[in-house]
Amino acid sequence: MSAVVTLELRIKDEAWETFRTEFPKILPDTKAFEGCEALKGAIDEENKTILLYEQWRDAADHKKYMAWRQERGDLDQMGKALREPPILRTMDMMDI
């Protein structure tokens, strides 16, 4: 069953300008990762927040993706720019 993942990133003031321009550069790798079916993003300039909406073939594919990001050091690097821990939610897709 497809999984929906949302990721909310609240960025430190001093890291905002760099993060908002550099972070999108890694997203083509996310879209190309095996099992990624969709990726959308939204930005809140005023609150220095980025929200990603991801759809994955299943939660296991997303777990593999996150392990890959961790191995590369991307998650640690991203964490340095955050003003609080990321809000990550994984849910099963609902048929409507």
C-alpha atoms as a PDB file:
ATOM      1  CA  MET A   1       0.000   0.000   0.000  1.00  0.00           C
ATOM      2  CA  SER A   2       1.282   3.473  -0.846  1.00  0.00           C
ATOM      3  CA  ALA A   3       2.585   5.611   1.992  1.00  0.00           C
ATOM      4  CA  VAL A   4       2.270   9.365   2.380  1.00  0.00           C
ATOM      5  CA  VAL A   5       5.064  11.166   4.182  1.00  0.00           C
ATOM      6  CA  THR A   6       5.043  14.780   5.302  1.00  0.00           C
ATOM      7  CA  LEU A   7       8.169  16.512   6.509  1.00  0.00           C
ATOM      8  CA  GLU A   8       8.090  19.937   8.128  1.00  0.00           C
ATOM      9  CA  LEU A   9      11.395  21.762   8.526  1.00  0.00           C
ATOM     10  CA  ARG A  10      11.606  24.900  10.647  1.00  0.00           C
ATOM     11  CA  ILE A  11      14.825  26.689   9.825  1.00  0.00           C
ATOM     12  CA  LYS A  12      17.011  28.916  12.014  1.00  0.00           C
ATOM     13  CA  ASP A  13      16.953  32.577  11.021  1.00  0.00           C
ATOM     14  CA  GLU A  14      20.676  32.651  10.312  1.00  0.00           C
ATOM     15  CA  ALA A  15      20.492  29.551   8.092  1.00  0.00           C
ATOM     16  CA  TRP A  16      17.342  30.460   6.153  1.00  0.00           C
ATOM     17  CA  GLU A  17      18.758  32.117   3.019  1.00  0.00           C
ATOM     18  CA  THR A  18      21.279  29.358   2.373  1.00  0.00           C
ATOM     19  CA  PHE A  19      18.893  26.530   3.251  1.00  0.00           C
ATOM     20  CA  ARG A  20      16.024  27.775   1.082  1.00  0.00           C
ATOM     21  CA  THR A  21      18.288  27.904  -1.973  1.00  0.00           C
ATOM     22  CA  GLU A  22      20.437  24.804  -1.348  1.00  0.00           C
ATOM     23  CA  PHE A  23      17.846  22.328  -0.004  1.00  0.00           C
ATOM     24  CA  PRO A  24      15.844  22.132  -3.269  1.00  0.00           C
ATOM     25  CA  LYS A  25      19.023  21.031  -5.045  1.00  0.00           C
ATOM     26  CA  ILE A  26      18.952  17.638  -3.289  1.00  0.00           C
ATOM     27  CA  LEU A  27      15.289  16.947  -4.061  1.00  0.00           C
ATOM     28  CA  PRO A  28      15.823  15.518  -7.575  1.00  0.00           C
ATOM     29  CA  ASP A  29      17.647  12.645  -5.824  1.00  0.00           C
ATOM     30  CA  THR A  30      14.554  12.093  -3.702  1.00  0.00           C
ATOM     31  CA  LYS A  31      12.271  12.038  -6.740  1.00  0.00           C
ATOM     32  CA  ALA A  32      14.598   9.575  -8.481  1.00  0.00           C
ATOM     33  CA  PHE A  33      14.903   7.225  -5.510  1.00  0.00           C
ATOM     34  CA  GLU A  34      13.313   3.825  -6.045  1.00  0.00           C
ATOM     35  CA  GLY A  35       9.747   3.822  -4.740  1.00  0.00           C
ATOM     36  CA  CYS A  36       9.179   7.598  -4.754  1.00  0.00           C
ATOM     37  CA  GLU A  37       5.921   8.160  -6.620  1.00  0.00           C
ATOM     38  CA  ALA A  38       5.436  11.886  -5.975  1.00  0.00           C
ATOM     39  CA  LEU A  39       7.137  14.810  -4.269  1.00  0.00           C
ATOM     40  CA  LYS A  40       5.684  18.278  -3.690  1.00  0.00           C
ATOM     41  CA  GLY A  41       6.946  21.132  -1.578  1.00  0.00           C
ATOM     42  CA  ALA A  42       5.694  24.338  -0.021  1.00  0.00           C
ATOM     43  CA  ILE A  43       7.558  27.226   1.532  1.00  0.00           C
ATOM     44  CA  ASP A  44       6.518  29.677   4.247  1.00  0.00           C
ATOM     45  CA  GLU A  45       8.924  32.604   3.979  1.00  0.00           C
ATOM     46  CA  GLU A  46       7.505  34.455   6.969  1.00  0.00           C
ATOM     47  CA  ASN A  47       7.915  31.532   9.375  1.00  0.00           C
ATOM     48  CA  LYS A  48      11.039  30.129   7.666  1.00  0.00           C
ATOM     49  CA  THR A  49       9.418  26.736   7.200  1.00  0.00           C
ATOM     50  CA  ILE A  50       9.498  24.175   4.401  1.00  0.00           C
ATOM     51  CA  LEU A  51       6.912  21.421   4.058  1.00  0.00           C
ATOM     52  CA  LEU A  52       7.381  18.372   1.846  1.00  0.00           C
ATOM     53  CA  TYR A  53       4.616  16.021   0.760  1.00  0.00           C
ATOM     54  CA  GLU A  54       5.931  12.682  -0.474  1.00  0.00           C
ATOM     55  CA  GLN A  55       4.158   9.605  -1.816  1.00  0.00           C
ATOM     56  CA  TRP A  56       6.033   6.305  -1.700  1.00  0.00           C
ATOM     57  CA  ARG A  57       5.219   2.867  -3.085  1.00  0.00           C
ATOM     58  CA  ASP A  58       5.314   1.709   0.543  1.00  0.00           C
ATOM     59  CA  ALA A  59       6.753   2.721   3.904  1.00  0.00           C
ATOM     60  CA  ALA A  60       9.680   0.306   3.456  1.00  0.00           C
ATOM     61  CA  ASP A  61      10.878   2.269   0.413  1.00  0.00           C
ATOM     62  CA  HIS A  62      10.821   5.494   2.422  1.00  0.00           C
ATOM     63  CA  LYS A  63      12.740   3.796   5.225  1.00  0.00           C
ATOM     64  CA  LYS A  64      15.449   2.755   2.707  1.00  0.00           C
ATOM     65  CA  TYR A  65      15.571   6.301   1.405  1.00  0.00           C
ATOM     66  CA  MET A  66      16.019   7.748   4.893  1.00  0.00           C
ATOM     67  CA  ALA A  67      18.804   5.244   5.623  1.00  0.00           C
ATOM     68  CA  TRP A  68      20.534   6.346   2.414  1.00  0.00           C
ATOM     69  CA  ARG A  69      20.265  10.015   3.399  1.00  0.00           C
ATOM     70  CA  GLN A  70      21.653   9.175   6.846  1.00  0.00           C
ATOM     71  CA  GLU A  71      24.603   7.242   5.381  1.00  0.00           C
ATOM     72  CA  ARG A  72      25.462  10.199   3.135  1.00  0.00           C
ATOM     73  CA  GLY A  73      25.417  12.593   6.101  1.00  0.00           C
ATOM     74  CA  ASP A  74      22.573  14.652   4.636  1.00  0.00           C
ATOM     75  CA  LEU A  75      20.379  14.363   7.726  1.00  0.00           C
ATOM     76  CA  ASP A  76      23.130  15.511  10.079  1.00  0.00           C
ATOM     77  CA  GLN A  77      23.950  18.446   7.799  1.00  0.00           C
ATOM     78  CA  MET A  78      20.288  19.423   7.517  1.00  0.00           C
ATOM     79  CA  GLY A  79      19.827  19.140  11.270  1.00  0.00           C
ATOM     80  CA  LYS A  80      22.371  21.906  11.847  1.00  0.00           C
ATOM     81  CA  ALA A  81      20.061  24.387  10.091  1.00  0.00           C
ATOM     82  CA  LEU A  82      16.908  23.462  12.020  1.00  0.00           C
ATOM     83  CA  ARG A  83      15.637  25.480  14.964  1.00  0.00           C
ATOM     84  CA  GLU A  84      13.745  22.436  16.267  1.00  0.00           C
ATOM     85  CA  PRO A  85      13.487  18.743  15.388  1.00  0.00           C
ATOM     86  CA  PRO A  86      11.812  17.984  12.059  1.00  0.00           C
ATOM     87  CA  ILE A  87       8.180  16.874  12.099  1.00  0.00           C
ATOM     88  CA  LEU A  88       7.976  13.659  10.092  1.00  0.00           C
ATOM     89  CA  ARG A  89       4.692  11.810   9.597  1.00  0.00           C
ATOM     90  CA  THR A  90       4.187   8.566   7.666  1.00  0.00           C
ATOM     91  CA  MET A  91       0.654   7.386   6.889  1.00  0.00           C
ATOM     92  CA  ASP A  92      -1.019   4.844   4.628  1.00  0.00           C
ATOM     93  CA  MET A  93      -2.668   6.253   1.511  1.00  0.00           C
ATOM     94  CA  MET A  94      -6.435   6.418   1.778  1.00  0.00           C
ATOM     95  CA  ASP A  95      -8.642   5.586  -1.190  1.00  0.00           C
ATOM     96  CA  ILE A  96     -11.214   8.298  -1.843  1.00  0.00           C
END
